[in-house]
PDB file of N, CA and C in Angstrom:
ATOM      1  N   MET A   1     -18.422 -12.530 -27.350  1.00  0.00           N
ATOM      2  CA  MET A   1     -17.081 -12.089 -27.052  1.00  0.00           C
ATOM      3  C   MET A   1     -16.917 -12.042 -25.526  1.00  0.00           C
ATOM      4  N   PRO A   2     -15.826 -12.609 -25.004  1.00  0.00           N
ATOM      5  CA  PRO A   2     -15.640 -12.621 -23.548  1.00  0.00           C
ATOM      6  C   PRO A   2     -15.308 -11.228 -23.009  1.00  0.00           C
ATOM      7  N   VAL A   3     -15.731 -10.999 -21.777  1.00  0.00           N
ATOM      8  CA  VAL A   3     -15.435  -9.745 -21.099  1.00  0.00           C
ATOM      9  C   VAL A   3     -14.125  -9.926 -20.335  1.00  0.00           C
ATOM     10  N   LEU A   4     -13.196  -9.025 -20.532  1.00  0.00           N
ATOM     11  CA  LEU A   4     -11.922  -9.070 -19.835  1.00  0.00           C
ATOM     12  C   LEU A   4     -11.911  -8.005 -18.754  1.00  0.00           C
ATOM     13  N   THR A   5     -11.442  -8.376 -17.575  1.00  0.00           N
ATOM     14  CA  THR A   5     -11.355  -7.441 -16.463  1.00  0.00           C
ATOM     15  C   THR A   5      -9.897  -7.211 -16.135  1.00  0.00           C
ATOM     16  N   GLN A   6      -9.491  -5.979 -16.162  1.00  0.00           N
ATOM     17  CA  GLN A   6      -8.106  -5.616 -15.886  1.00  0.00           C
ATOM     18  C   GLN A   6      -8.016  -5.029 -14.490  1.00  0.00           C
ATOM     19  N   GLY A   7      -7.051  -5.485 -13.707  1.00  0.00           N
ATOM     20  CA  GLY A   7      -6.872  -4.976 -12.359  1.00  0.00           C
ATOM     21  C   GLY A   7      -6.246  -3.584 -12.356  1.00  0.00           C
ATOM     22  N   VAL A   8      -6.002  -3.081 -11.165  1.00  0.00           N
ATOM     23  CA  VAL A   8      -5.370  -1.777 -11.006  1.00  0.00           C
ATOM     24  C   VAL A   8      -3.929  -1.861 -11.508  1.00  0.00           C
ATOM     25  N   GLN A   9      -3.557  -0.959 -12.376  1.00  0.00           N
ATOM     26  CA  GLN A   9      -2.209  -0.934 -12.933  1.00  0.00           C
ATOM     27  C   GLN A   9      -1.258  -0.173 -12.011  1.00  0.00           C
ATOM     28  N   THR A  10       0.029  -0.394 -12.196  1.00  0.00           N
ATOM     29  CA  THR A  10       1.035   0.264 -11.363  1.00  0.00           C
ATOM     30  C   THR A  10       0.833   1.770 -11.378  1.00  0.00           C
ATOM     31  N   GLY A  11       0.617   2.335 -10.196  1.00  0.00           N
ATOM     32  CA  GLY A  11       0.494   3.774 -10.042  1.00  0.00           C
ATOM     33  C   GLY A  11      -0.808   4.385 -10.512  1.00  0.00           C
ATOM     34  N   GLU A  12      -1.751   3.578 -10.957  1.00  0.00           N
ATOM     35  CA  GLU A  12      -3.025   4.118 -11.440  1.00  0.00           C
ATOM     36  C   GLU A  12      -3.771   4.854 -10.328  1.00  0.00           C
ATOM     37  N   TRP A  13      -3.536   4.500  -9.110  1.00  0.00           N
ATOM     38  CA  TRP A  13      -4.170   5.092  -7.931  1.00  0.00           C
ATOM     39  C   TRP A  13      -3.540   6.424  -7.527  1.00  0.00           C
ATOM     40  N   LEU A  14      -2.366   6.734  -8.046  1.00  0.00           N
ATOM     41  CA  LEU A  14      -1.605   7.913  -7.636  1.00  0.00           C
ATOM     42  C   LEU A  14      -2.148   9.180  -8.300  1.00  0.00           C
ATOM     43  N   LEU A  15      -2.572  10.154  -7.484  1.00  0.00           N
ATOM     44  CA  LEU A  15      -3.060  11.428  -8.012  1.00  0.00           C
ATOM     45  C   LEU A  15      -1.941  12.452  -8.098  1.00  0.00           C
ATOM     46  N   SER A  16      -1.097  12.538  -7.057  1.00  0.00           N
ATOM     47  CA  SER A  16       0.049  13.452  -7.089  1.00  0.00           C
ATOM     48  C   SER A  16       1.064  13.034  -6.043  1.00  0.00           C
ATOM     49  N   GLU A  17       2.287  13.496  -6.253  1.00  0.00           N
ATOM     50  CA  GLU A  17       3.368  13.265  -5.301  1.00  0.00           C
ATOM     51  C   GLU A  17       4.309  14.462  -5.353  1.00  0.00           C
ATOM     52  N   ALA A  18       5.204  14.560  -4.387  1.00  0.00           N
ATOM     53  CA  ALA A  18       6.154  15.657  -4.335  1.00  0.00           C
ATOM     54  C   ALA A  18       7.177  15.517  -5.468  1.00  0.00           C
ATOM     55  N   ASP A  19       7.863  16.624  -5.763  1.00  0.00           N
ATOM     56  CA  ASP A  19       8.894  16.615  -6.807  1.00  0.00           C
ATOM     57  C   ASP A  19       9.976  15.594  -6.503  1.00  0.00           C
ATOM     58  N   GLY A  20      10.600  15.119  -7.573  1.00  0.00           N
ATOM     59  CA  GLY A  20      11.672  14.145  -7.411  1.00  0.00           C
ATOM     60  C   GLY A  20      11.119  12.858  -6.815  1.00  0.00           C
ATOM     61  N   GLU A  21      11.845  12.302  -5.872  1.00  0.00           N
ATOM     62  CA  GLU A  21      11.398  11.079  -5.212  1.00  0.00           C
ATOM     63  C   GLU A  21      11.185  11.293  -3.717  1.00  0.00           C
ATOM     64  N   PHE A  22      10.849  12.528  -3.336  1.00  0.00           N
ATOM     65  CA  PHE A  22      10.647  12.866  -1.927  1.00  0.00           C
ATOM     66  C   PHE A  22       9.556  12.009  -1.285  1.00  0.00           C
ATOM     67  N   SER A  23       8.520  11.673  -2.031  1.00  0.00           N
ATOM     68  CA  SER A  23       7.381  10.920  -1.484  1.00  0.00           C
ATOM     69  C   SER A  23       7.677   9.434  -1.313  1.00  0.00           C
ATOM     70  N   ARG A  24       8.756   8.955  -1.931  1.00  0.00           N
ATOM     71  CA  ARG A  24       9.020   7.520  -2.007  1.00  0.00           C
ATOM     72  C   ARG A  24      10.153   7.068  -1.090  1.00  0.00           C
ATOM     73  N   ASP A  25      10.035   5.835  -0.631  1.00  0.00           N
ATOM     74  CA  ASP A  25      11.091   5.178   0.135  1.00  0.00           C
ATOM     75  C   ASP A  25      11.230   3.752  -0.364  1.00  0.00           C
ATOM     76  N   LYS A  26      12.380   3.159  -0.082  1.00  0.00           N
ATOM     77  CA  LYS A  26      12.591   1.735  -0.341  1.00  0.00           C
ATOM     78  C   LYS A  26      12.285   0.995   0.951  1.00  0.00           C
ATOM     79  N   ALA A  27      11.704  -0.187   0.833  1.00  0.00           N
ATOM     80  CA  ALA A  27      11.338  -0.965   2.018  1.00  0.00           C
ATOM     81  C   ALA A  27      11.321  -2.446   1.671  1.00  0.00           C
ATOM     82  N   THR A  28      11.285  -3.271   2.698  1.00  0.00           N
ATOM     83  CA  THR A  28      11.089  -4.704   2.527  1.00  0.00           C
ATOM     84  C   THR A  28       9.637  -5.002   2.862  1.00  0.00           C
ATOM     85  N   VAL A  29       8.955  -5.627   1.910  1.00  0.00           N
ATOM     86  CA  VAL A  29       7.544  -5.965   2.090  1.00  0.00           C
ATOM     87  C   VAL A  29       7.416  -7.486   2.126  1.00  0.00           C
ATOM     88  N   THR A  30       6.716  -7.980   3.119  1.00  0.00           N
ATOM     89  CA  THR A  30       6.507  -9.418   3.268  1.00  0.00           C
ATOM     90  C   THR A  30       5.165  -9.807   2.671  1.00  0.00           C
ATOM     91  N   VAL A  31       5.204 -10.770   1.755  1.00  0.00           N
ATOM     92  CA  VAL A  31       3.983 -11.351   1.201  1.00  0.00           C
ATOM     93  C   VAL A  31       3.695 -12.609   2.014  1.00  0.00           C
ATOM     94  N   ALA A  32       2.486 -12.717   2.539  1.00  0.00           N
ATOM     95  CA  ALA A  32       2.101 -13.868   3.355  1.00  0.00           C
ATOM     96  C   ALA A  32       0.792 -14.457   2.843  1.00  0.00           C
ATOM     97  N   GLY A  33       0.591 -15.715   3.091  1.00  0.00           N
ATOM     98  CA  GLY A  33      -0.660 -16.366   2.720  1.00  0.00           C
ATOM     99  C   GLY A  33      -0.811 -16.600   1.232  1.00  0.00           C
ATOM    100  N   GLY A  34       0.269 -16.421   0.475  1.00  0.00           N
ATOM    101  CA  GLY A  34       0.197 -16.646  -0.962  1.00  0.00           C
ATOM    102  C   GLY A  34      -0.709 -15.677  -1.691  1.00  0.00           C
ATOM    103  N   ILE A  35      -0.928 -14.496  -1.102  1.00  0.00           N
ATOM    104  CA  ILE A  35      -1.829 -13.504  -1.700  1.00  0.00           C
ATOM    105  C   ILE A  35      -1.005 -12.388  -2.330  1.00  0.00           C
ATOM    106  N   ALA A  36      -1.146 -12.210  -3.641  1.00  0.00           N
ATOM    107  CA  ALA A  36      -0.430 -11.160  -4.357  1.00  0.00           C
ATOM    108  C   ALA A  36      -0.864  -9.786  -3.848  1.00  0.00           C
ATOM    109  N   LEU A  37       0.073  -8.844  -3.852  1.00  0.00           N
ATOM    110  CA  LEU A  37      -0.225  -7.474  -3.432  1.00  0.00           C
ATOM    111  C   LEU A  37      -0.168  -6.571  -4.658  1.00  0.00           C
ATOM    112  N   PRO A  38      -1.307  -6.016  -5.075  1.00  0.00           N
ATOM    113  CA  PRO A  38      -1.308  -5.129  -6.239  1.00  0.00           C
ATOM    114  C   PRO A  38      -0.735  -3.755  -5.896  1.00  0.00           C
ATOM    115  N   SER A  39      -0.354  -3.017  -6.912  1.00  0.00           N
ATOM    116  CA  SER A  39       0.050  -1.624  -6.718  1.00  0.00           C
ATOM    117  C   SER A  39      -1.104  -0.903  -6.033  1.00  0.00           C
ATOM    118  N   GLY A  40      -0.782  -0.112  -5.008  1.00  0.00           N
ATOM    119  CA  GLY A  40      -1.822   0.596  -4.269  1.00  0.00           C
ATOM    120  C   GLY A  40      -2.250  -0.109  -2.998  1.00  0.00           C
ATOM    121  N   THR A  41      -1.577  -1.202  -2.646  1.00  0.00           N
ATOM    122  CA  THR A  41      -1.897  -1.886  -1.396  1.00  0.00           C
ATOM    123  C   THR A  41      -1.437  -1.028  -0.227  1.00  0.00           C
ATOM    124  N   VAL A  42      -2.315  -0.834   0.733  1.00  0.00           N
ATOM    125  CA  VAL A  42      -1.980  -0.078   1.943  1.00  0.00           C
ATOM    126  C   VAL A  42      -1.224  -1.019   2.875  1.00  0.00           C
ATOM    127  N   LEU A  43      -0.118  -0.523   3.423  1.00  0.00           N
ATOM    128  CA  LEU A  43       0.778  -1.349   4.224  1.00  0.00           C
ATOM    129  C   LEU A  43       0.891  -0.855   5.656  1.00  0.00           C
ATOM    130  N   GLY A  44       1.131  -1.786   6.566  1.00  0.00           N
ATOM    131  CA  GLY A  44       1.423  -1.490   7.958  1.00  0.00           C
ATOM    132  C   GLY A  44       2.791  -2.055   8.283  1.00  0.00           C
ATOM    133  N   LYS A  45       3.388  -1.607   9.374  1.00  0.00           N
ATOM    134  CA  LYS A  45       4.739  -2.028   9.743  1.00  0.00           C
ATOM    135  C   LYS A  45       4.704  -2.943  10.958  1.00  0.00           C
ATOM    136  N   VAL A  46       5.265  -4.135  10.823  1.00  0.00           N
ATOM    137  CA  VAL A  46       5.357  -5.079  11.934  1.00  0.00           C
ATOM    138  C   VAL A  46       6.432  -4.558  12.892  1.00  0.00           C
ATOM    139  N   THR A  47       6.054  -4.320  14.122  1.00  0.00           N
ATOM    140  CA  THR A  47       6.958  -3.724  15.105  1.00  0.00           C
ATOM    141  C   THR A  47       8.209  -4.576  15.325  1.00  0.00           C
ATOM    142  N   ALA A  48       8.062  -5.879  15.459  1.00  0.00           N
ATOM    143  CA  ALA A  48       9.181  -6.762  15.789  1.00  0.00           C
ATOM    144  C   ALA A  48      10.229  -6.842  14.682  1.00  0.00           C
ATOM    145  N   SER A  49       9.800  -6.851  13.421  1.00  0.00           N
ATOM    146  CA  SER A  49      10.736  -7.037  12.299  1.00  0.00           C
ATOM    147  C   SER A  49      11.049  -5.755  11.541  1.00  0.00           C
ATOM    148  N   GLY A  50      10.179  -4.756  11.627  1.00  0.00           N
ATOM    149  CA  GLY A  50      10.353  -3.531  10.854  1.00  0.00           C
ATOM    150  C   GLY A  50       9.950  -3.685   9.399  1.00  0.00           C
ATOM    151  N   LYS A  51       9.446  -4.868   9.030  1.00  0.00           N
ATOM    152  CA  LYS A  51       9.025  -5.112   7.647  1.00  0.00           C
ATOM    153  C   LYS A  51       7.575  -4.674   7.462  1.00  0.00           C
ATOM    154  N   LEU A  52       7.247  -4.360   6.223  1.00  0.00           N
ATOM    155  CA  LEU A  52       5.885  -3.943   5.894  1.00  0.00           C
ATOM    156  C   LEU A  52       5.074  -5.136   5.423  1.00  0.00           C
ATOM    157  N   VAL A  53       3.811  -5.152   5.805  1.00  0.00           N
ATOM    158  CA  VAL A  53       2.860  -6.185   5.392  1.00  0.00           C
ATOM    159  C   VAL A  53       1.547  -5.497   5.036  1.00  0.00           C
ATOM    160  N   LYS A  54       0.631  -6.254   4.467  1.00  0.00           N
ATOM    161  CA  LYS A  54      -0.670  -5.678   4.151  1.00  0.00           C
ATOM    162  C   LYS A  54      -1.340  -5.196   5.435  1.00  0.00           C
ATOM    163  N   TYR A  55      -1.764  -3.942   5.408  1.00  0.00           N
ATOM    164  CA  TYR A  55      -2.433  -3.311   6.550  1.00  0.00           C
ATOM    165  C   TYR A  55      -3.788  -3.955   6.804  1.00  0.00           C
ATOM    166  N   ALA A  56      -4.111  -4.126   8.077  1.00  0.00           N
ATOM    167  CA  ALA A  56      -5.470  -4.493   8.499  1.00  0.00           C
ATOM    168  C   ALA A  56      -5.673  -3.909   9.889  1.00  0.00           C
ATOM    169  N   ASP A  57      -6.743  -3.172  10.071  1.00  0.00           N
ATOM    170  CA  ASP A  57      -7.044  -2.528  11.346  1.00  0.00           C
ATOM    171  C   ASP A  57      -7.197  -3.539  12.476  1.00  0.00           C
ATOM    172  N   THR A  58      -7.450  -4.800  12.133  1.00  0.00           N
ATOM    173  CA  THR A  58      -7.643  -5.846  13.136  1.00  0.00           C
ATOM    174  C   THR A  58      -6.339  -6.531  13.545  1.00  0.00           C
ATOM    175  N   ASN A  59      -5.232  -6.218  12.896  1.00  0.00           N
ATOM    176  CA  ASN A  59      -3.953  -6.813  13.269  1.00  0.00           C
ATOM    177  C   ASN A  59      -3.539  -6.307  14.646  1.00  0.00           C
ATOM    178  N   SER A  60      -2.582  -6.999  15.279  1.00  0.00           N
ATOM    179  CA  SER A  60      -2.114  -6.571  16.601  1.00  0.00           C
ATOM    180  C   SER A  60      -0.595  -6.622  16.722  1.00  0.00           C
ATOM    181  N   ASP A  61       0.094  -6.618  15.587  1.00  0.00           N
ATOM    182  CA  ASP A  61       1.554  -6.712  15.583  1.00  0.00           C
ATOM    183  C   ASP A  61       2.236  -5.407  15.180  1.00  0.00           C
ATOM    184  N   GLY A  62       1.484  -4.340  15.149  1.00  0.00           N
ATOM    185  CA  GLY A  62       1.996  -3.044  14.696  1.00  0.00           C
ATOM    186  C   GLY A  62       1.450  -2.667  13.337  1.00  0.00           C
ATOM    187  N   SER A  63       1.103  -3.680  12.541  1.00  0.00           N
ATOM    188  CA  SER A  63       0.610  -3.409  11.185  1.00  0.00           C
ATOM    189  C   SER A  63      -0.860  -3.003  11.160  1.00  0.00           C
ATOM    190  N   GLN A  64      -1.440  -2.758  12.335  1.00  0.00           N
ATOM    191  CA  GLN A  64      -2.810  -2.238  12.404  1.00  0.00           C
ATOM    192  C   GLN A  64      -2.842  -0.738  12.148  1.00  0.00           C
ATOM    193  N   SER A  65      -1.677  -0.126  11.989  1.00  0.00           N
ATOM    194  CA  SER A  65      -1.569   1.292  11.623  1.00  0.00           C
ATOM    195  C   SER A  65      -1.011   1.385  10.211  1.00  0.00           C
ATOM    196  N   ALA A  66      -1.722   2.066   9.322  1.00  0.00           N
ATOM    197  CA  ALA A  66      -1.265   2.228   7.940  1.00  0.00           C
ATOM    198  C   ALA A  66      -0.093   3.206   7.901  1.00  0.00           C
ATOM    199  N   VAL A  67       0.989   2.815   7.217  1.00  0.00           N
ATOM    200  CA  VAL A  67       2.189   3.650   7.176  1.00  0.00           C
ATOM    201  C   VAL A  67       2.702   3.909   5.761  1.00  0.00           C
ATOM    202  N   ALA A  68       2.143   3.239   4.757  1.00  0.00           N
ATOM    203  CA  ALA A  68       2.673   3.393   3.394  1.00  0.00           C
ATOM    204  C   ALA A  68       1.693   2.816   2.378  1.00  0.00           C
ATOM    205  N   ILE A  69       1.938   3.157   1.100  1.00  0.00           N
ATOM    206  CA  ILE A  69       1.199   2.577  -0.017  1.00  0.00           C
ATOM    207  C   ILE A  69       2.215   1.999  -0.990  1.00  0.00           C
ATOM    208  N   LEU A  70       1.975   0.777  -1.423  1.00  0.00           N
ATOM    209  CA  LEU A  70       2.877   0.050  -2.314  1.00  0.00           C
ATOM    210  C   LEU A  70       2.810   0.582  -3.742  1.00  0.00           C
ATOM    211  N   TRP A  71       3.981   0.827  -4.333  1.00  0.00           N
ATOM    212  CA  TRP A  71       4.055   1.280  -5.729  1.00  0.00           C
ATOM    213  C   TRP A  71       4.001   0.109  -6.695  1.00  0.00           C
ATOM    214  N   ASN A  72       4.905  -0.854  -6.535  1.00  0.00           N
ATOM    215  CA  ASN A  72       5.012  -1.967  -7.473  1.00  0.00           C
ATOM    216  C   ASN A  72       4.268  -3.193  -6.945  1.00  0.00           C
ATOM    217  N   ALA A  73       3.560  -3.882  -7.824  1.00  0.00           N
ATOM    218  CA  ALA A  73       2.846  -5.092  -7.432  1.00  0.00           C
ATOM    219  C   ALA A  73       3.838  -6.178  -7.026  1.00  0.00           C
ATOM    220  N   LEU A  74       3.418  -7.035  -6.096  1.00  0.00           N
ATOM    221  CA  LEU A  74       4.251  -8.149  -5.654  1.00  0.00           C
ATOM    222  C   LEU A  74       3.502  -9.453  -5.892  1.00  0.00           C
ATOM    223  N   PRO A  75       4.227 -10.526  -6.242  1.00  0.00           N
ATOM    224  CA  PRO A  75       3.582 -11.795  -6.590  1.00  0.00           C
ATOM    225  C   PRO A  75       2.989 -12.501  -5.372  1.00  0.00           C
ATOM    226  N   GLY A  76       2.120 -13.456  -5.639  1.00  0.00           N
ATOM    227  CA  GLY A  76       1.493 -14.234  -4.586  1.00  0.00           C
ATOM    228  C   GLY A  76       2.359 -15.398  -4.124  1.00  0.00           C
ATOM    229  N   VAL A  77       3.631 -15.138  -3.938  1.00  0.00           N
ATOM    230  CA  VAL A  77       4.579 -16.141  -3.454  1.00  0.00           C
ATOM    231  C   VAL A  77       5.120 -15.627  -2.129  1.00  0.00           C
ATOM    232  N   ASN A  78       4.931 -16.396  -1.058  1.00  0.00           N
ATOM    233  CA  ASN A  78       5.359 -15.955   0.266  1.00  0.00           C
ATOM    234  C   ASN A  78       6.842 -15.611   0.287  1.00  0.00           C
ATOM    235  N   GLY A  79       7.172 -14.527   0.994  1.00  0.00           N
ATOM    236  CA  GLY A  79       8.562 -14.129   1.135  1.00  0.00           C
ATOM    237  C   GLY A  79       8.693 -12.633   1.284  1.00  0.00           C
ATOM    238  N   ASP A  80       9.957 -12.201   1.414  1.00  0.00           N
ATOM    239  CA  ASP A  80      10.277 -10.779   1.543  1.00  0.00           C
ATOM    240  C   ASP A  80      10.738 -10.242   0.201  1.00  0.00           C
ATOM    241  N   TYR A  81      10.256  -9.050  -0.160  1.00  0.00           N
ATOM    242  CA  TYR A  81      10.568  -8.446  -1.447  1.00  0.00           C
ATOM    243  C   TYR A  81      10.998  -6.995  -1.262  1.00  0.00           C
ATOM    244  N   PRO A  82      11.995  -6.541  -2.021  1.00  0.00           N
ATOM    245  CA  PRO A  82      12.303  -5.114  -2.018  1.00  0.00           C
ATOM    246  C   PRO A  82      11.189  -4.387  -2.776  1.00  0.00           C
ATOM    247  N   ALA A  83      10.804  -3.232  -2.284  1.00  0.00           N
ATOM    248  CA  ALA A  83       9.705  -2.510  -2.913  1.00  0.00           C
ATOM    249  C   ALA A  83       9.870  -1.012  -2.735  1.00  0.00           C
ATOM    250  N   THR A  84       9.177  -0.277  -3.572  1.00  0.00           N
ATOM    251  CA  THR A  84       9.073   1.169  -3.443  1.00  0.00           C
ATOM    252  C   THR A  84       7.721   1.462  -2.825  1.00  0.00           C
ATOM    253  N   VAL A  85       7.722   2.326  -1.807  1.00  0.00           N
ATOM    254  CA  VAL A  85       6.484   2.677  -1.113  1.00  0.00           C
ATOM    255  C   VAL A  85       6.369   4.193  -0.983  1.00  0.00           C
ATOM    256  N   PHE A  86       5.149   4.663  -0.901  1.00  0.00           N
ATOM    257  CA  PHE A  86       4.875   6.084  -0.696  1.00  0.00           C
ATOM    258  C   PHE A  86       4.587   6.290   0.780  1.00  0.00           C
ATOM    259  N   THR A  87       5.354   7.185   1.414  1.00  0.00           N
ATOM    260  CA  THR A  87       5.248   7.377   2.861  1.00  0.00           C
ATOM    261  C   THR A  87       4.954   8.814   3.273  1.00  0.00           C
ATOM    262  N   ARG A  88       4.870   9.743   2.324  1.00  0.00           N
ATOM    263  CA  ARG A  88       4.603  11.151   2.657  1.00  0.00           C
ATOM    264  C   ARG A  88       4.309  11.948   1.377  1.00  0.00           C
ATOM    265  N   ALA A  89       3.725  13.123   1.563  1.00  0.00           N
ATOM    266  CA  ALA A  89       3.488  14.083   0.474  1.00  0.00           C
ATOM    267  C   ALA A  89       2.913  13.426  -0.785  1.00  0.00           C
ATOM    268  N   THR A  90       1.799  12.704  -0.591  1.00  0.00           N
ATOM    269  CA  THR A  90       1.174  11.955  -1.683  1.00  0.00           C
ATOM    270  C   THR A  90      -0.341  12.112  -1.602  1.00  0.00           C
ATOM    271  N   GLU A  91      -0.993  12.149  -2.773  1.00  0.00           N
ATOM    272  CA  GLU A  91      -2.446  12.089  -2.851  1.00  0.00           C
ATOM    273  C   GLU A  91      -2.811  10.802  -3.590  1.00  0.00           C
ATOM    274  N   ALA A  92      -3.755  10.045  -3.029  1.00  0.00           N
ATOM    275  CA  ALA A  92      -4.150   8.773  -3.613  1.00  0.00           C
ATOM    276  C   ALA A  92      -5.651   8.736  -3.881  1.00  0.00           C
ATOM    277  N   HIS A  93      -6.032   8.060  -4.952  1.00  0.00           N
ATOM    278  CA  HIS A  93      -7.441   7.841  -5.291  1.00  0.00           C
ATOM    279  C   HIS A  93      -7.918   6.673  -4.427  1.00  0.00           C
ATOM    280  N   GLY A  94      -8.688   6.968  -3.399  1.00  0.00           N
ATOM    281  CA  GLY A  94      -9.071   5.986  -2.399  1.00  0.00           C
ATOM    282  C   GLY A  94      -9.758   4.748  -2.924  1.00  0.00           C
ATOM    283  N   ALA A  95     -10.639   4.894  -3.896  1.00  0.00           N
ATOM    284  CA  ALA A  95     -11.387   3.753  -4.410  1.00  0.00           C
ATOM    285  C   ALA A  95     -10.506   2.768  -5.163  1.00  0.00           C
ATOM    286  N   MET A  96      -9.296   3.177  -5.528  1.00  0.00           N
ATOM    287  CA  MET A  96      -8.403   2.291  -6.270  1.00  0.00           C
ATOM    288  C   MET A  96      -7.368   1.608  -5.376  1.00  0.00           C
ATOM    289  N   LEU A  97      -7.337   1.962  -4.104  1.00  0.00           N
ATOM    290  CA  LEU A  97      -6.373   1.339  -3.201  1.00  0.00           C
ATOM    291  C   LEU A  97      -6.786  -0.101  -2.892  1.00  0.00           C
ATOM    292  N   ASN A  98      -5.821  -0.902  -2.504  1.00  0.00           N
ATOM    293  CA  ASN A  98      -6.051  -2.317  -2.155  1.00  0.00           C
ATOM    294  C   ASN A  98      -6.755  -3.080  -3.272  1.00  0.00           C
ATOM    295  N   GLY A  99      -6.291  -2.876  -4.483  1.00  0.00           N
ATOM    296  CA  GLY A  99      -6.849  -3.603  -5.614  1.00  0.00           C
ATOM    297  C   GLY A  99      -8.240  -3.172  -6.010  1.00  0.00           C
ATOM    298  N   GLY A 100      -8.641  -1.976  -5.607  1.00  0.00           N
ATOM    299  CA  GLY A 100      -9.948  -1.441  -5.990  1.00  0.00           C
ATOM    300  C   GLY A 100     -11.016  -1.566  -4.919  1.00  0.00           C
ATOM    301  N   ILE A 101     -10.650  -2.051  -3.720  1.00  0.00           N
ATOM    302  CA  ILE A 101     -11.656  -2.145  -2.659  1.00  0.00           C
ATOM    303  C   ILE A 101     -11.564  -0.990  -1.674  1.00  0.00           C
ATOM    304  N   GLY A 102     -10.541  -0.149  -1.813  1.00  0.00           N
ATOM    305  CA  GLY A 102     -10.404   1.027  -0.964  1.00  0.00           C
ATOM    306  C   GLY A 102      -9.750   0.708   0.363  1.00  0.00           C
ATOM    307  N   VAL A 103      -9.784   1.687   1.261  1.00  0.00           N
ATOM    308  CA  VAL A 103      -9.192   1.535   2.588  1.00  0.00           C
ATOM    309  C   VAL A 103     -10.205   2.037   3.617  1.00  0.00           C
ATOM    310  N   ASP A 104     -10.184   1.445   4.799  1.00  0.00           N
ATOM    311  CA  ASP A 104     -11.150   1.818   5.834  1.00  0.00           C
ATOM    312  C   ASP A 104     -10.818   3.182   6.446  1.00  0.00           C
ATOM    313  N   ALA A 105     -11.740   3.703   7.250  1.00  0.00           N
ATOM    314  CA  ALA A 105     -11.571   5.028   7.860  1.00  0.00           C
ATOM    315  C   ALA A 105     -10.349   5.113   8.776  1.00  0.00           C
ATOM    316  N   PRO A 106     -10.074   4.113   9.623  1.00  0.00           N
ATOM    317  CA  PRO A 106      -8.864   4.205  10.448  1.00  0.00           C
ATOM    318  C   PRO A 106      -7.587   4.245   9.601  1.00  0.00           C
ATOM    319  N   GLY A 107      -7.549   3.464   8.530  1.00  0.00           N
ATOM    320  CA  GLY A 107      -6.386   3.480   7.635  1.00  0.00           C
ATOM    321  C   GLY A 107      -6.229   4.819   6.942  1.00  0.00           C
ATOM    322  N   THR A 108      -7.341   5.398   6.521  1.00  0.00           N
ATOM    323  CA  THR A 108      -7.319   6.723   5.895  1.00  0.00           C
ATOM    324  C   THR A 108      -6.777   7.765   6.874  1.00  0.00           C
ATOM    325  N   ALA A 109      -7.207   7.693   8.124  1.00  0.00           N
ATOM    326  CA  ALA A 109      -6.727   8.632   9.151  1.00  0.00           C
ATOM    327  C   ALA A 109      -5.244   8.429   9.431  1.00  0.00           C
ATOM    328  N   ASP A 110      -4.797   7.166   9.491  1.00  0.00           N
ATOM    329  CA  ASP A 110      -3.375   6.878   9.697  1.00  0.00           C
ATOM    330  C   ASP A 110      -2.532   7.493   8.579  1.00  0.00           C
ATOM    331  N   LEU A 111      -2.977   7.307   7.352  1.00  0.00           N
ATOM    332  CA  LEU A 111      -2.237   7.835   6.207  1.00  0.00           C
ATOM    333  C   LEU A 111      -2.206   9.359   6.231  1.00  0.00           C
ATOM    334  N   LYS A 112      -3.336   9.973   6.558  1.00  0.00           N
ATOM    335  CA  LYS A 112      -3.398  11.432   6.624  1.00  0.00           C
ATOM    336  C   LYS A 112      -2.388  11.976   7.652  1.00  0.00           C
ATOM    337  N   ALA A 113      -2.219  11.275   8.754  1.00  0.00           N
ATOM    338  CA  ALA A 113      -1.292  11.704   9.807  1.00  0.00           C
ATOM    339  C   ALA A 113       0.152  11.728   9.330  1.00  0.00           C
ATOM    340  N   ILE A 114       0.482  10.955   8.293  1.00  0.00           N
ATOM    341  CA  ILE A 114       1.865  10.953   7.781  1.00  0.00           C
ATOM    342  C   ILE A 114       1.988  11.750   6.468  1.00  0.00           C
ATOM    343  N   GLY A 115       0.904  12.410   6.075  1.00  0.00           N
ATOM    344  CA  GLY A 115       0.957  13.259   4.890  1.00  0.00           C
ATOM    345  C   GLY A 115       0.579  12.565   3.596  1.00  0.00           C
ATOM    346  N   VAL A 116      -0.103  11.431   3.700  1.00  0.00           N
ATOM    347  CA  VAL A 116      -0.622  10.723   2.517  1.00  0.00           C
ATOM    348  C   VAL A 116      -2.141  10.929   2.545  1.00  0.00           C
ATOM    349  N   ILE A 117      -2.642  11.710   1.601  1.00  0.00           N
ATOM    350  CA  ILE A 117      -4.050  12.092   1.580  1.00  0.00           C
ATOM    351  C   ILE A 117      -4.822  11.166   0.630  1.00  0.00           C
ATOM    352  N   VAL A 118      -5.885  10.576   1.163  1.00  0.00           N
ATOM    353  CA  VAL A 118      -6.754   9.706   0.378  1.00  0.00           C
ATOM    354  C   VAL A 118      -7.956  10.519  -0.054  1.00  0.00           C
ATOM    355  N   ARG A 119      -8.154  10.631  -1.351  1.00  0.00           N
ATOM    356  CA  ARG A 119      -9.270  11.424  -1.905  1.00  0.00           C
ATOM    357  C   ARG A 119     -10.422  10.521  -2.295  1.00  0.00           C
TER     358      ARG A 119
END
């Protein structure tokens, strides 16, 4: 019998959030390189465009600072997508972020500074 591997499901990484939709914002997220973004992807903000992209501490366009976590998965088709993101008053399961690979220490510190706690 074949072994099936299921990725991180929408919101599976979310431990808690504030009442109502206080923790959530709407944003435009850019998918680049044809790489799908699963729910729980840590995002940074490109200074020039104000759009969110996948966070990487090695970036130099503003997105080297983590500012949000993606709620809904986005397809691996390049372009801009409307999305819901968590930007404050949130607790996240760290090992499930970024498709199950987690987030680095600088990203964790960036998120903590905006009230998103990685456990």
